[in-house]
N, C-alpha and C. Protein backbone atom coordinates (compact mmCIF):
# COMPACT_ATOMS: atom_id res chain seq x y z
N MET A 1 108.78 141.74 71.91
CA MET A 1 109.92 141.35 72.74
C MET A 1 110.13 139.84 72.67
N ASN A 2 111.39 139.43 72.74
CA ASN A 2 111.66 138.00 72.80
C ASN A 2 111.54 137.50 74.24
N VAL A 3 111.66 136.19 74.43
CA VAL A 3 111.47 135.59 75.75
C VAL A 3 112.46 136.17 76.77
N GLY A 4 113.73 136.30 76.38
CA GLY A 4 114.74 136.82 77.29
C GLY A 4 114.43 138.23 77.77
N GLU A 5 113.95 139.06 76.86
CA GLU A 5 113.62 140.45 77.22
C GLU A 5 112.43 140.49 78.16
N LEU A 6 111.43 139.64 77.92
CA LEU A 6 110.25 139.60 78.79
C LEU A 6 110.65 139.17 80.21
N ILE A 7 111.51 138.18 80.31
CA ILE A 7 111.93 137.68 81.62
C ILE A 7 112.61 138.78 82.43
N GLU A 8 113.41 139.57 81.76
CA GLU A 8 114.16 140.62 82.47
C GLU A 8 113.30 141.84 82.82
N LYS A 9 112.05 141.85 82.40
CA LYS A 9 111.13 142.90 82.82
C LYS A 9 110.64 142.69 84.25
N VAL A 10 110.88 141.49 84.79
CA VAL A 10 110.45 141.16 86.15
C VAL A 10 111.56 141.51 87.14
N ASN A 11 111.16 142.03 88.29
CA ASN A 11 112.12 142.37 89.35
C ASN A 11 112.41 141.11 90.17
N TRP A 12 113.48 140.41 89.81
CA TRP A 12 113.82 139.15 90.47
C TRP A 12 114.58 139.36 91.77
N GLU A 13 115.10 140.54 91.97
CA GLU A 13 115.97 140.76 93.13
C GLU A 13 115.19 141.00 94.42
N GLU A 14 113.95 141.42 94.32
CA GLU A 14 113.17 141.78 95.50
C GLU A 14 113.01 140.61 96.47
N ASN A 15 112.82 139.40 95.93
CA ASN A 15 112.58 138.22 96.78
C ASN A 15 113.62 137.12 96.56
N GLY A 16 114.85 137.53 96.27
CA GLY A 16 115.93 136.55 96.17
C GLY A 16 115.86 135.64 94.97
N GLY A 17 115.39 136.13 93.84
CA GLY A 17 115.40 135.34 92.61
C GLY A 17 114.10 134.65 92.27
N VAL A 18 113.08 134.77 93.12
CA VAL A 18 111.77 134.20 92.82
C VAL A 18 110.70 135.27 93.00
N VAL A 19 109.56 135.08 92.36
CA VAL A 19 108.43 135.99 92.54
C VAL A 19 107.17 135.18 92.80
N PRO A 20 106.25 135.71 93.62
CA PRO A 20 104.98 135.02 93.83
C PRO A 20 104.10 135.13 92.58
N VAL A 21 103.30 134.08 92.35
CA VAL A 21 102.44 134.03 91.17
C VAL A 21 101.02 133.67 91.61
N VAL A 22 100.09 134.58 91.39
CA VAL A 22 98.68 134.29 91.62
C VAL A 22 98.13 133.67 90.34
N VAL A 23 97.42 132.56 90.49
CA VAL A 23 96.91 131.84 89.31
C VAL A 23 95.39 131.86 89.34
N GLN A 24 94.81 132.27 88.24
CA GLN A 24 93.37 132.47 88.14
C GLN A 24 92.87 131.80 86.87
N ASP A 25 91.67 131.19 86.93
CA ASP A 25 91.14 130.61 85.70
C ASP A 25 90.47 131.68 84.85
N THR A 26 90.02 131.30 83.68
CA THR A 26 89.48 132.27 82.73
C THR A 26 88.14 132.86 83.19
N LYS A 27 87.53 132.24 84.21
CA LYS A 27 86.28 132.78 84.75
C LYS A 27 86.52 133.68 85.96
N GLY A 28 87.77 133.81 86.38
CA GLY A 28 88.09 134.71 87.47
C GLY A 28 88.30 134.06 88.82
N GLU A 29 88.16 132.71 88.91
CA GLU A 29 88.36 132.05 90.20
C GLU A 29 89.85 131.88 90.47
N VAL A 30 90.28 132.26 91.68
CA VAL A 30 91.67 132.10 92.07
C VAL A 30 91.93 130.62 92.35
N LEU A 31 92.97 130.06 91.71
CA LEU A 31 93.24 128.64 91.82
C LEU A 31 94.33 128.32 92.84
N THR A 32 95.39 129.09 92.83
CA THR A 32 96.52 128.78 93.72
C THR A 32 97.48 129.96 93.78
N LEU A 33 98.41 129.88 94.71
CA LEU A 33 99.53 130.81 94.79
C LEU A 33 100.80 129.98 94.62
N ALA A 34 101.62 130.35 93.67
CA ALA A 34 102.84 129.60 93.39
C ALA A 34 104.01 130.57 93.29
N TYR A 35 105.17 130.05 92.87
CA TYR A 35 106.37 130.87 92.74
C TYR A 35 107.07 130.52 91.43
N MET A 36 107.72 131.51 90.86
CA MET A 36 108.52 131.31 89.66
C MET A 36 109.92 131.89 89.85
N ASP A 37 110.90 131.24 89.22
CA ASP A 37 112.20 131.87 89.03
C ASP A 37 112.35 132.13 87.53
N ARG A 38 113.48 132.59 87.10
CA ARG A 38 113.67 132.91 85.68
C ARG A 38 113.42 131.70 84.78
N GLU A 39 113.92 130.52 85.20
CA GLU A 39 113.78 129.33 84.38
C GLU A 39 112.32 128.90 84.27
N ALA A 40 111.57 129.01 85.36
CA ALA A 40 110.15 128.64 85.32
C ALA A 40 109.38 129.54 84.36
N LEU A 41 109.68 130.84 84.39
CA LEU A 41 109.01 131.76 83.49
C LEU A 41 109.42 131.49 82.04
N ARG A 42 110.69 131.18 81.84
CA ARG A 42 111.16 130.88 80.48
C ARG A 42 110.42 129.67 79.91
N ARG A 43 110.30 128.61 80.69
CA ARG A 43 109.62 127.40 80.20
C ARG A 43 108.14 127.67 79.98
N THR A 44 107.55 128.49 80.84
CA THR A 44 106.13 128.84 80.68
C THR A 44 105.91 129.59 79.38
N LEU A 45 106.76 130.56 79.10
CA LEU A 45 106.63 131.36 77.88
C LEU A 45 106.88 130.51 76.63
N GLN A 46 107.81 129.59 76.72
CA GLN A 46 108.17 128.79 75.55
C GLN A 46 107.17 127.69 75.24
N THR A 47 106.58 127.09 76.29
CA THR A 47 105.68 125.95 76.08
C THR A 47 104.21 126.32 76.08
N GLY A 48 103.87 127.44 76.74
CA GLY A 48 102.46 127.81 76.86
C GLY A 48 101.77 127.13 78.03
N TYR A 49 102.52 126.35 78.82
CA TYR A 49 101.97 125.69 80.00
C TYR A 49 102.70 126.19 81.25
N ALA A 50 101.96 126.31 82.34
CA ALA A 50 102.52 126.87 83.56
C ALA A 50 103.59 125.99 84.17
N HIS A 51 104.73 126.58 84.45
CA HIS A 51 105.83 125.94 85.17
C HIS A 51 106.12 126.78 86.41
N TYR A 52 106.37 126.11 87.53
CA TYR A 52 106.64 126.83 88.77
C TYR A 52 107.93 126.34 89.41
N TYR A 53 108.46 127.18 90.29
CA TYR A 53 109.64 126.78 91.05
C TYR A 53 109.18 126.21 92.39
N SER A 54 109.54 124.95 92.65
CA SER A 54 109.20 124.31 93.91
C SER A 54 110.25 124.66 94.94
N ARG A 55 109.87 125.38 95.97
CA ARG A 55 110.84 125.78 97.00
C ARG A 55 111.23 124.60 97.87
N SER A 56 110.36 123.61 98.01
CA SER A 56 110.70 122.44 98.82
C SER A 56 111.63 121.50 98.08
N GLN A 57 111.39 121.31 96.77
CA GLN A 57 112.22 120.41 95.96
C GLN A 57 113.37 121.14 95.28
N LYS A 58 113.31 122.47 95.32
CA LYS A 58 114.35 123.32 94.73
C LYS A 58 114.58 122.99 93.25
N ARG A 59 113.49 122.94 92.51
CA ARG A 59 113.58 122.69 91.08
C ARG A 59 112.33 123.24 90.39
N VAL A 60 112.44 123.39 89.08
CA VAL A 60 111.31 123.83 88.28
C VAL A 60 110.51 122.62 87.83
N ARG A 61 109.19 122.72 87.90
CA ARG A 61 108.36 121.62 87.42
C ARG A 61 107.13 122.19 86.71
N MET A 62 106.63 121.43 85.77
CA MET A 62 105.42 121.83 85.07
C MET A 62 104.21 121.47 85.91
N LYS A 63 103.29 122.37 86.08
CA LYS A 63 102.09 122.10 86.85
C LYS A 63 101.29 120.99 86.18
N GLY A 64 101.00 119.93 86.93
CA GLY A 64 100.20 118.84 86.41
C GLY A 64 100.98 117.82 85.61
N GLU A 65 102.32 117.85 85.69
CA GLU A 65 103.11 116.94 84.86
C GLU A 65 102.89 115.48 85.23
N VAL A 66 102.49 115.21 86.48
CA VAL A 66 102.20 113.84 86.90
C VAL A 66 100.71 113.54 86.82
N SER A 67 99.90 114.43 87.37
CA SER A 67 98.45 114.20 87.44
C SER A 67 97.75 114.42 86.11
N GLY A 68 98.38 115.20 85.21
CA GLY A 68 97.73 115.54 83.95
C GLY A 68 96.86 116.78 84.04
N ASN A 69 96.78 117.38 85.24
CA ASN A 69 95.95 118.57 85.44
C ASN A 69 96.75 119.83 85.08
N LEU A 70 96.96 120.00 83.79
CA LEU A 70 97.81 121.08 83.28
C LEU A 70 97.10 122.42 83.31
N GLN A 71 97.91 123.47 83.25
CA GLN A 71 97.39 124.84 83.17
C GLN A 71 97.91 125.47 81.89
N ARG A 72 97.02 125.65 80.93
CA ARG A 72 97.38 126.30 79.66
C ARG A 72 97.29 127.81 79.86
N VAL A 73 98.38 128.49 79.69
CA VAL A 73 98.44 129.92 80.01
C VAL A 73 97.85 130.76 78.89
N ARG A 74 96.91 131.62 79.23
CA ARG A 74 96.28 132.51 78.27
C ARG A 74 96.82 133.94 78.37
N GLU A 75 97.25 134.33 79.57
CA GLU A 75 97.75 135.70 79.74
C GLU A 75 98.63 135.76 80.99
N ILE A 76 99.67 136.57 80.92
CA ILE A 76 100.54 136.81 82.07
C ILE A 76 100.57 138.30 82.35
N LYS A 77 100.21 138.68 83.58
CA LYS A 77 100.24 140.08 83.98
C LYS A 77 101.26 140.28 85.09
N VAL A 78 101.79 141.49 85.19
CA VAL A 78 102.76 141.81 86.23
C VAL A 78 102.20 142.93 87.09
N ASP A 79 102.52 142.94 88.38
CA ASP A 79 101.97 143.98 89.26
C ASP A 79 102.75 145.29 89.10
N CYS A 80 102.32 146.32 89.82
CA CYS A 80 102.87 147.66 89.66
C CYS A 80 104.34 147.78 90.03
N ASP A 81 104.83 146.86 90.87
CA ASP A 81 106.24 146.89 91.29
C ASP A 81 107.10 145.89 90.51
N ASP A 82 106.51 145.21 89.57
CA ASP A 82 107.22 144.22 88.74
C ASP A 82 107.76 143.03 89.54
N ASP A 83 107.25 142.79 90.75
CA ASP A 83 107.79 141.70 91.56
C ASP A 83 106.75 140.65 91.93
N ALA A 84 105.65 140.59 91.17
CA ALA A 84 104.62 139.55 91.34
C ALA A 84 103.90 139.39 90.01
N LEU A 85 103.46 138.17 89.74
CA LEU A 85 102.80 137.87 88.48
C LEU A 85 101.39 137.34 88.70
N LEU A 86 100.54 137.54 87.69
CA LEU A 86 99.20 136.97 87.67
C LEU A 86 99.06 136.17 86.39
N LEU A 87 98.75 134.89 86.52
CA LEU A 87 98.53 134.03 85.37
C LEU A 87 97.06 133.77 85.18
N ILE A 88 96.57 133.98 83.96
CA ILE A 88 95.22 133.59 83.59
C ILE A 88 95.35 132.29 82.80
N VAL A 89 94.73 131.21 83.30
CA VAL A 89 94.96 129.90 82.69
C VAL A 89 93.65 129.17 82.40
N GLU A 90 93.75 128.24 81.46
CA GLU A 90 92.70 127.25 81.27
C GLU A 90 93.09 126.05 82.11
N GLN A 91 92.33 125.78 83.15
CA GLN A 91 92.67 124.71 84.08
C GLN A 91 92.04 123.40 83.65
N LYS A 92 92.89 122.37 83.53
CA LYS A 92 92.37 121.02 83.26
C LYS A 92 92.33 120.27 84.57
N GLY A 93 91.15 119.83 84.98
CA GLY A 93 91.02 119.08 86.22
C GLY A 93 91.24 119.94 87.44
N ALA A 94 91.78 119.32 88.49
CA ALA A 94 91.97 120.01 89.77
C ALA A 94 93.30 120.74 89.80
N ALA A 95 93.29 121.94 90.37
CA ALA A 95 94.53 122.71 90.52
C ALA A 95 95.24 122.36 91.82
N CYS A 96 94.50 121.82 92.78
CA CYS A 96 95.04 121.56 94.11
C CYS A 96 95.47 120.11 94.27
N HIS A 97 96.57 119.88 95.02
CA HIS A 97 97.07 118.52 95.23
C HIS A 97 96.09 117.66 96.03
N THR A 98 95.10 118.30 96.68
CA THR A 98 94.09 117.56 97.44
C THR A 98 93.00 116.98 96.53
N GLY A 99 93.04 117.38 95.25
CA GLY A 99 92.00 116.94 94.33
C GLY A 99 90.87 117.94 94.17
N ASN A 100 90.90 119.03 94.94
CA ASN A 100 89.90 120.09 94.80
C ASN A 100 90.28 121.01 93.64
N TYR A 101 89.26 121.62 93.03
CA TYR A 101 89.51 122.46 91.86
C TYR A 101 90.45 123.61 92.17
N SER A 102 90.21 124.28 93.29
CA SER A 102 91.04 125.40 93.72
C SER A 102 91.70 125.08 95.06
N CYS A 103 92.89 125.62 95.28
CA CYS A 103 93.54 125.46 96.59
C CYS A 103 92.78 126.22 97.67
N PHE A 104 91.97 127.21 97.26
CA PHE A 104 91.21 128.02 98.21
C PHE A 104 89.77 127.54 98.28
N TYR A 105 89.59 126.27 98.58
CA TYR A 105 88.26 125.66 98.57
C TYR A 105 87.56 125.70 99.93
N ARG A 106 88.25 126.17 100.99
CA ARG A 106 87.65 126.15 102.32
C ARG A 106 87.89 127.48 103.04
N LYS A 107 87.00 127.77 103.97
CA LYS A 107 87.14 128.96 104.79
C LYS A 107 88.14 128.70 105.92
N LEU A 108 88.70 129.75 106.45
CA LEU A 108 89.64 129.63 107.55
C LEU A 108 88.99 128.89 108.72
N GLY A 109 89.63 127.82 109.18
CA GLY A 109 89.10 127.04 110.30
C GLY A 109 88.38 125.78 109.88
N GLU A 110 87.99 125.69 108.61
CA GLU A 110 87.33 124.48 108.13
C GLU A 110 88.35 123.37 107.88
N PRO A 111 87.95 122.10 108.03
CA PRO A 111 88.89 120.98 107.84
C PRO A 111 89.25 120.80 106.38
N GLU A 112 90.41 120.17 106.16
CA GLU A 112 90.85 119.86 104.81
C GLU A 112 89.98 118.76 104.23
N ARG A 113 89.71 118.83 102.93
CA ARG A 113 88.92 117.82 102.24
C ARG A 113 89.78 117.25 101.11
N VAL A 114 90.21 116.02 101.27
CA VAL A 114 91.08 115.40 100.27
C VAL A 114 90.26 114.49 99.37
N LEU A 115 90.33 114.71 98.07
CA LEU A 115 89.63 113.91 97.08
C LEU A 115 90.63 112.99 96.38
N PRO A 116 90.18 111.84 95.86
CA PRO A 116 91.11 110.91 95.21
C PRO A 116 91.75 111.52 93.96
N VAL A 117 93.07 111.40 93.85
CA VAL A 117 93.82 111.88 92.69
C VAL A 117 94.70 110.73 92.20
N ASP A 118 94.73 110.53 90.89
CA ASP A 118 95.54 109.45 90.32
C ASP A 118 96.98 109.92 90.10
N TYR A 119 97.90 109.41 90.93
CA TYR A 119 99.31 109.74 90.77
C TYR A 119 100.10 108.50 90.35
N SER A 120 99.52 107.68 89.49
CA SER A 120 100.14 106.42 89.12
C SER A 120 101.46 106.61 88.37
N LEU A 121 101.67 107.78 87.78
CA LEU A 121 102.91 108.04 87.05
C LEU A 121 103.96 108.73 87.92
N THR A 122 103.69 108.85 89.20
CA THR A 122 104.63 109.53 90.09
C THR A 122 106.00 108.87 90.07
N ILE A 123 106.06 107.56 89.91
CA ILE A 123 107.33 106.86 89.93
C ILE A 123 108.26 107.36 88.83
N LEU A 124 107.71 107.71 87.66
CA LEU A 124 108.54 108.25 86.58
C LEU A 124 109.14 109.59 86.98
N ARG A 125 108.34 110.40 87.66
CA ARG A 125 108.83 111.72 88.10
C ARG A 125 109.90 111.56 89.16
N GLU A 126 109.70 110.60 90.08
CA GLU A 126 110.70 110.37 91.12
C GLU A 126 111.99 109.84 90.51
N LEU A 127 111.87 108.95 89.52
CA LEU A 127 113.05 108.41 88.86
C LEU A 127 113.78 109.51 88.09
N GLU A 128 113.03 110.36 87.43
CA GLU A 128 113.65 111.48 86.70
C GLU A 128 114.45 112.38 87.66
N GLU A 129 113.89 112.64 88.82
CA GLU A 129 114.57 113.48 89.80
C GLU A 129 115.84 112.81 90.30
N LEU A 130 115.79 111.51 90.55
CA LEU A 130 116.97 110.78 91.00
C LEU A 130 118.06 110.80 89.93
N ILE A 131 117.67 110.61 88.67
CA ILE A 131 118.63 110.64 87.58
C ILE A 131 119.29 112.02 87.47
N ARG A 132 118.48 113.06 87.62
CA ARG A 132 119.03 114.42 87.57
C ARG A 132 120.07 114.64 88.67
N LYS A 133 119.77 114.13 89.87
CA LYS A 133 120.71 114.28 90.98
C LYS A 133 122.01 113.53 90.72
N ARG A 134 121.90 112.33 90.13
CA ARG A 134 123.10 111.55 89.83
C ARG A 134 123.95 112.23 88.75
N LYS A 135 123.29 112.99 87.89
CA LYS A 135 124.02 113.75 86.88
C LYS A 135 124.76 114.93 87.51
N GLU A 136 124.08 115.66 88.38
CA GLU A 136 124.66 116.86 88.98
C GLU A 136 125.60 116.55 90.13
N GLU A 137 125.31 115.47 90.85
CA GLU A 137 126.13 115.08 92.00
C GLU A 137 126.48 113.60 91.88
N PRO A 138 127.50 113.27 91.07
CA PRO A 138 127.86 111.87 90.82
C PRO A 138 128.14 111.11 92.11
N VAL A 139 127.71 109.84 92.13
CA VAL A 139 127.92 108.97 93.29
C VAL A 139 128.78 107.78 92.86
N GLU A 140 129.83 107.52 93.61
CA GLU A 140 130.72 106.41 93.30
C GLU A 140 129.95 105.08 93.32
N GLY A 141 130.11 104.30 92.28
CA GLY A 141 129.43 103.01 92.20
C GLY A 141 128.04 103.08 91.59
N SER A 142 127.55 104.28 91.29
CA SER A 142 126.23 104.45 90.70
C SER A 142 126.28 104.19 89.19
N TYR A 143 125.42 103.30 88.70
CA TYR A 143 125.36 103.02 87.26
C TYR A 143 124.95 104.27 86.49
N THR A 144 124.00 105.02 87.04
CA THR A 144 123.53 106.24 86.39
C THR A 144 124.65 107.26 86.26
N SER A 145 125.39 107.48 87.34
CA SER A 145 126.51 108.42 87.30
C SER A 145 127.56 107.97 86.28
N ARG A 146 127.77 106.68 86.19
CA ARG A 146 128.76 106.14 85.24
C ARG A 146 128.33 106.41 83.80
N LEU A 147 127.03 106.27 83.53
CA LEU A 147 126.54 106.56 82.18
C LEU A 147 126.83 108.00 81.79
N PHE A 148 126.55 108.93 82.71
CA PHE A 148 126.81 110.35 82.41
C PHE A 148 128.31 110.60 82.23
N ARG A 149 129.11 109.91 83.01
CA ARG A 149 130.57 110.08 82.90
C ARG A 149 131.08 109.56 81.56
N GLU A 150 130.49 108.47 81.07
CA GLU A 150 130.93 107.89 79.80
C GLU A 150 130.43 108.69 78.60
N GLY A 151 129.37 109.45 78.79
CA GLY A 151 128.98 110.42 77.77
C GLY A 151 127.92 109.99 76.77
N ARG A 152 127.76 110.84 75.78
CA ARG A 152 126.67 110.74 74.82
C ARG A 152 126.63 109.40 74.08
N GLU A 153 127.76 108.98 73.55
CA GLU A 153 127.78 107.77 72.74
C GLU A 153 127.29 106.56 73.53
N ARG A 154 127.76 106.45 74.78
CA ARG A 154 127.36 105.32 75.62
C ARG A 154 125.88 105.38 75.97
N ILE A 155 125.39 106.56 76.30
CA ILE A 155 123.99 106.74 76.68
C ILE A 155 123.07 106.40 75.51
N TYR A 156 123.38 106.90 74.33
CA TYR A 156 122.55 106.63 73.16
C TYR A 156 122.61 105.16 72.76
N LYS A 157 123.78 104.57 72.87
CA LYS A 157 123.92 103.15 72.54
C LYS A 157 123.08 102.28 73.46
N LYS A 158 123.12 102.57 74.78
CA LYS A 158 122.35 101.77 75.74
C LYS A 158 120.85 101.91 75.49
N PHE A 159 120.39 103.11 75.17
CA PHE A 159 118.96 103.28 74.89
C PHE A 159 118.58 102.46 73.66
N GLY A 160 119.41 102.51 72.63
CA GLY A 160 119.12 101.73 71.42
C GLY A 160 119.07 100.24 71.71
N GLU A 161 120.00 99.75 72.52
CA GLU A 161 120.01 98.33 72.87
C GLU A 161 118.74 97.94 73.62
N GLU A 162 118.32 98.78 74.57
CA GLU A 162 117.12 98.46 75.36
C GLU A 162 115.86 98.52 74.50
N ALA A 163 115.82 99.44 73.52
CA ALA A 163 114.67 99.52 72.63
C ALA A 163 114.55 98.23 71.81
N VAL A 164 115.67 97.71 71.37
CA VAL A 164 115.67 96.45 70.62
C VAL A 164 115.19 95.31 71.51
N GLU A 165 115.61 95.30 72.77
CA GLU A 165 115.18 94.25 73.70
C GLU A 165 113.66 94.25 73.86
N VAL A 166 113.05 95.43 73.83
CA VAL A 166 111.59 95.51 73.90
C VAL A 166 110.98 94.85 72.67
N LEU A 167 111.54 95.11 71.51
CA LEU A 167 111.00 94.58 70.26
C LEU A 167 111.08 93.06 70.18
N VAL A 168 112.10 92.48 70.80
CA VAL A 168 112.28 91.03 70.67
C VAL A 168 111.78 90.25 71.89
N ALA A 169 111.21 90.95 72.87
CA ALA A 169 110.70 90.27 74.06
C ALA A 169 109.61 89.27 73.65
N GLU A 170 109.68 88.06 74.17
CA GLU A 170 108.78 86.99 73.72
C GLU A 170 107.65 86.69 74.69
N THR A 171 107.74 87.20 75.92
CA THR A 171 106.69 86.94 76.91
C THR A 171 106.17 88.26 77.46
N ARG A 172 105.01 88.19 78.08
CA ARG A 172 104.42 89.39 78.69
C ARG A 172 105.33 89.93 79.79
N GLU A 173 105.85 89.02 80.62
CA GLU A 173 106.73 89.44 81.71
C GLU A 173 108.02 90.05 81.16
N GLY A 174 108.53 89.46 80.10
CA GLY A 174 109.73 89.98 79.48
C GLY A 174 109.52 91.36 78.88
N LEU A 175 108.34 91.56 78.29
CA LEU A 175 108.02 92.86 77.71
C LEU A 175 107.97 93.93 78.79
N ILE A 176 107.35 93.60 79.93
CA ILE A 176 107.27 94.55 81.04
C ILE A 176 108.67 94.90 81.54
N TYR A 177 109.48 93.87 81.74
CA TYR A 177 110.85 94.06 82.26
C TYR A 177 111.69 94.91 81.31
N GLU A 178 111.65 94.59 80.03
CA GLU A 178 112.48 95.32 79.06
C GLU A 178 111.97 96.74 78.84
N THR A 179 110.66 96.93 78.93
CA THR A 179 110.11 98.29 78.80
C THR A 179 110.56 99.17 79.96
N ALA A 180 110.60 98.59 81.16
CA ALA A 180 111.09 99.34 82.31
C ALA A 180 112.54 99.76 82.10
N ASP A 181 113.37 98.85 81.58
CA ASP A 181 114.76 99.19 81.27
C ASP A 181 114.84 100.31 80.24
N MET A 182 114.01 100.20 79.21
CA MET A 182 114.04 101.20 78.14
C MET A 182 113.63 102.58 78.66
N LEU A 183 112.58 102.62 79.50
CA LEU A 183 112.11 103.90 80.04
C LEU A 183 113.18 104.55 80.90
N TYR A 184 113.86 103.73 81.70
CA TYR A 184 114.94 104.28 82.52
C TYR A 184 116.03 104.91 81.64
N HIS A 185 116.46 104.18 80.62
CA HIS A 185 117.53 104.71 79.76
C HIS A 185 117.05 105.90 78.92
N LEU A 186 115.76 105.95 78.61
CA LEU A 186 115.20 107.12 77.93
C LEU A 186 115.28 108.35 78.84
N LEU A 187 114.96 108.18 80.12
CA LEU A 187 115.05 109.30 81.06
C LEU A 187 116.49 109.78 81.21
N VAL A 188 117.44 108.85 81.18
CA VAL A 188 118.85 109.25 81.22
C VAL A 188 119.21 110.06 79.98
N LEU A 189 118.75 109.60 78.82
CA LEU A 189 119.02 110.30 77.56
C LEU A 189 118.43 111.70 77.59
N LEU A 190 117.20 111.82 78.10
CA LEU A 190 116.57 113.14 78.19
C LEU A 190 117.33 114.04 79.14
N ALA A 191 117.72 113.51 80.30
CA ALA A 191 118.46 114.30 81.28
C ALA A 191 119.80 114.75 80.72
N TYR A 192 120.45 113.91 79.94
CA TYR A 192 121.72 114.27 79.31
C TYR A 192 121.55 115.50 78.43
N ASN A 193 120.39 115.62 77.79
CA ASN A 193 120.09 116.74 76.90
C ASN A 193 119.32 117.87 77.60
N ASP A 194 119.19 117.79 78.92
CA ASP A 194 118.48 118.81 79.71
C ASP A 194 117.04 118.99 79.25
N VAL A 195 116.40 117.87 78.91
CA VAL A 195 114.99 117.88 78.54
C VAL A 195 114.21 117.19 79.65
N SER A 196 113.14 117.83 80.13
CA SER A 196 112.36 117.24 81.21
C SER A 196 111.21 116.40 80.65
N LEU A 197 110.78 115.44 81.45
CA LEU A 197 109.63 114.62 81.08
C LEU A 197 108.39 115.49 80.92
N GLY A 198 108.28 116.54 81.73
CA GLY A 198 107.15 117.45 81.63
C GLY A 198 107.05 118.12 80.27
N GLU A 199 108.20 118.46 79.70
CA GLU A 199 108.20 119.08 78.36
C GLU A 199 107.71 118.10 77.31
N VAL A 200 108.06 116.84 77.45
CA VAL A 200 107.59 115.82 76.52
C VAL A 200 106.08 115.64 76.65
N MET A 201 105.58 115.63 77.91
CA MET A 201 104.15 115.48 78.13
C MET A 201 103.38 116.66 77.54
N ALA A 202 103.95 117.86 77.65
CA ALA A 202 103.30 119.04 77.09
C ALA A 202 103.20 118.94 75.57
N GLU A 203 104.24 118.40 74.94
CA GLU A 203 104.21 118.23 73.49
C GLU A 203 103.15 117.20 73.07
N LEU A 204 103.03 116.12 73.84
CA LEU A 204 101.99 115.12 73.54
C LEU A 204 100.60 115.72 73.68
N ARG A 205 100.42 116.53 74.73
CA ARG A 205 99.12 117.15 74.93
C ARG A 205 98.83 118.15 73.82
N ARG A 206 99.85 118.87 73.36
CA ARG A 206 99.67 119.82 72.26
C ARG A 206 99.22 119.10 70.99
N ARG A 207 99.81 117.95 70.73
CA ARG A 207 99.44 117.18 69.53
C ARG A 207 98.02 116.66 69.61
N ARG A 208 97.59 116.33 70.84
CA ARG A 208 96.23 115.82 70.99
C ARG A 208 95.21 116.88 70.67
N GLY A 209 95.64 118.14 70.79
CA GLY A 209 94.80 119.25 70.37
C GLY A 209 93.88 119.75 71.42
């Protein structure tokens, strides 16, 4: 079956377009409970890395796209009613946002234990989300919205100009400043093409082997 046919084997109507997903590592430990919509399952099947639908942010995101704690999917199972999924994954690092390996690390009534997690790249994810919103809901006076309105040629030209500015930067401070400009325009270019930063990170991780 192709990806589209597999997606339609799931009963999406039971819970309003999303299904619960139990996530388990290859040794059988339950890591977390998440949710998928059609797009999350499509990206998971296409990339081999777990993508979930965030009900709070109302968007699809790749698990570990900021922290680097990715979940490489080894098997996807469906329950008897076709309205819930079980993912068997190879877990890199912690599955839980608290820094614990599993979200189910404590017994009922025990206090939360938060471990240090490096989210230094969170700003890129936040910027990507803001750019996506400016694309979908243009704001008057917004430079980002104007770029999308002007279209492909303008977006590609600006990225090229900023890349050149990085190459000719003569000071450390200038290099930092111009790189920030280039990264912003790269995110705009990716958003224009409906490519997420998470997909790029997954490709880099795949190349690393």
